[in-house]
Structures are given as structure tokens and as C-alpha cells.
């Protein structure tokens, strides 16, 4: 958290000294309030959600490319394909 505070304070200083500079930030929803607070008046945020089908498709490809397929049984693969897309939290884009 301390590194994030320093980063956001540095970005704020840059934005104040160079108003034509634009910064693109992407992060998890739980830091949105902190980013908006530290960059008050200099941030516009946009929520973007993850598409469950896209995540599942990506995971299938990665599982198929696994170089050690014997390390995972079908039950574990099925659990990965079920749980990870469920747990994906909303992300947002700040700019």
C-alpha cells in the first residue's frame, strides 16, 4: 500500500505540473476510491467487467498448453474452469 501511495502522489505532482499529460491506470475495484481521492479532480474512471466466457476460453487454452498435463486431473481442471471465472472481480480503468 505504501508504494501505491507514493506512486499516486508522484502522478498527482506530474499532473499538476504538466496539465496536458494523460495517464492511463488500470486496477481492481478496491483501489478505485483511493485513486479518485488522491488524484481528485484529475481522474475520470470507467468500470469494465470481465466476460466469463472469455476468461473460461483463455483458461482452457492455457490448460491445453500445460507442459506437465500429468500434474492435473480432470477434477482439478474442472474446478479451475469453474472457480476462477466466478471469482474475477470487477476492474476499472482510470484516466
Protein backbone atom coordinates (compact mmCIF):
# COMPACT_ATOMS: atom_id res chain seq x y z
CA UNK A 1 0.00 0.00 0.00
CA UNK A 2 2.83 2.40 0.82
CA UNK A 3 4.22 2.03 -2.72
CA UNK A 4 0.80 2.76 -4.17
CA UNK A 5 0.51 5.96 -2.09
CA UNK A 6 3.93 7.13 -3.29
CA UNK A 7 3.07 6.30 -6.90
CA UNK A 8 -0.25 8.13 -6.77
CA UNK A 9 1.33 11.16 -5.09
CA UNK A 10 4.01 11.22 -7.79
CA UNK A 11 1.37 11.01 -10.51
CA UNK A 12 -0.55 13.84 -8.88
CA UNK A 13 2.56 16.03 -8.90
CA UNK A 14 3.21 15.26 -12.56
CA UNK A 15 -0.40 16.03 -13.49
CA UNK A 16 -0.37 19.30 -11.56
CA UNK A 17 2.88 20.47 -13.20
CA UNK A 18 2.01 19.19 -16.67
CA UNK A 19 -1.75 19.55 -17.20
CA UNK A 20 -1.56 18.26 -20.80
CA UNK A 21 -0.16 14.90 -19.66
CA UNK A 22 -2.60 11.99 -19.66
CA UNK A 23 -2.08 8.83 -17.61
CA UNK A 24 -3.89 5.54 -18.12
CA UNK A 25 -4.32 3.38 -14.99
CA UNK A 26 -6.00 0.02 -14.70
CA UNK A 27 -6.69 -1.63 -11.35
CA UNK A 28 -9.01 -3.61 -9.17
CA UNK A 29 -12.19 -2.04 -7.85
CA UNK A 30 -10.96 -1.97 -4.23
CA UNK A 31 -8.37 0.75 -5.01
CA UNK A 32 -10.70 2.92 -7.06
CA UNK A 33 -11.66 5.21 -4.17
CA UNK A 34 -8.01 5.72 -3.24
CA UNK A 35 -7.05 6.64 -6.81
CA UNK A 36 -10.01 9.02 -7.12
CA UNK A 37 -9.23 10.59 -3.74
CA UNK A 38 -5.50 11.10 -4.36
CA UNK A 39 -6.00 12.34 -7.92
CA UNK A 40 -9.13 14.32 -7.07
CA UNK A 41 -10.37 16.37 -10.00
CA UNK A 42 -7.77 14.86 -12.32
CA UNK A 43 -9.24 11.42 -12.84
CA UNK A 44 -12.09 10.04 -14.87
CA UNK A 45 -12.89 6.41 -14.16
CA UNK A 46 -14.73 3.81 -16.14
CA UNK A 47 -15.85 0.40 -14.87
CA UNK A 48 -15.16 -2.55 -17.10
CA UNK A 49 -16.38 -6.03 -16.32
CA UNK A 50 -14.82 -9.27 -17.25
CA UNK A 51 -16.61 -11.58 -19.64
CA UNK A 52 -16.92 -15.02 -18.05
CA UNK A 53 -16.82 -16.80 -21.43
CA UNK A 54 -13.61 -15.00 -22.42
CA UNK A 55 -11.95 -15.92 -19.13
CA UNK A 56 -13.05 -19.55 -19.44
CA UNK A 57 -11.78 -19.69 -23.03
CA UNK A 58 -8.43 -18.25 -22.02
CA UNK A 59 -8.10 -20.73 -19.16
CA UNK A 60 -8.94 -23.67 -21.48
CA UNK A 61 -6.17 -22.61 -23.88
CA UNK A 62 -3.67 -22.25 -21.05
CA UNK A 63 -4.62 -25.62 -19.58
CA UNK A 64 -4.25 -27.25 -23.01
CA UNK A 65 -0.76 -25.72 -23.31
CA UNK A 66 0.35 -27.08 -19.92
CA UNK A 67 3.74 -28.73 -20.26
CA UNK A 68 3.00 -31.08 -17.34
CA UNK A 69 -0.52 -32.37 -18.02
CA UNK A 70 0.04 -35.33 -15.70
CA UNK A 71 0.16 -32.90 -12.76
CA UNK A 72 -3.54 -32.12 -13.13
CA UNK A 73 -6.50 -34.44 -13.21
CA UNK A 74 -9.85 -33.65 -14.83
CA UNK A 75 -11.39 -32.76 -11.49
CA UNK A 76 -8.81 -30.03 -10.82
CA UNK A 77 -9.12 -28.65 -14.35
CA UNK A 78 -12.92 -28.52 -13.97
CA UNK A 79 -12.58 -26.71 -10.64
CA UNK A 80 -10.20 -24.15 -12.17
CA UNK A 81 -12.61 -23.55 -15.04
CA UNK A 82 -15.47 -23.06 -12.58
CA UNK A 83 -13.91 -21.11 -9.71
CA UNK A 84 -11.61 -18.59 -11.40
CA UNK A 85 -14.26 -17.03 -13.66
CA UNK A 86 -16.61 -16.83 -10.65
CA UNK A 87 -14.02 -15.02 -8.55
CA UNK A 88 -12.94 -12.48 -11.13
CA UNK A 89 -13.68 -9.12 -9.62
CA UNK A 90 -14.73 -6.06 -11.50
CA UNK A 91 -11.88 -3.91 -12.69
CA UNK A 92 -11.91 -0.29 -13.62
CA UNK A 93 -9.96 1.98 -15.86
CA UNK A 94 -8.86 5.39 -14.59
CA UNK A 95 -7.65 8.03 -16.99
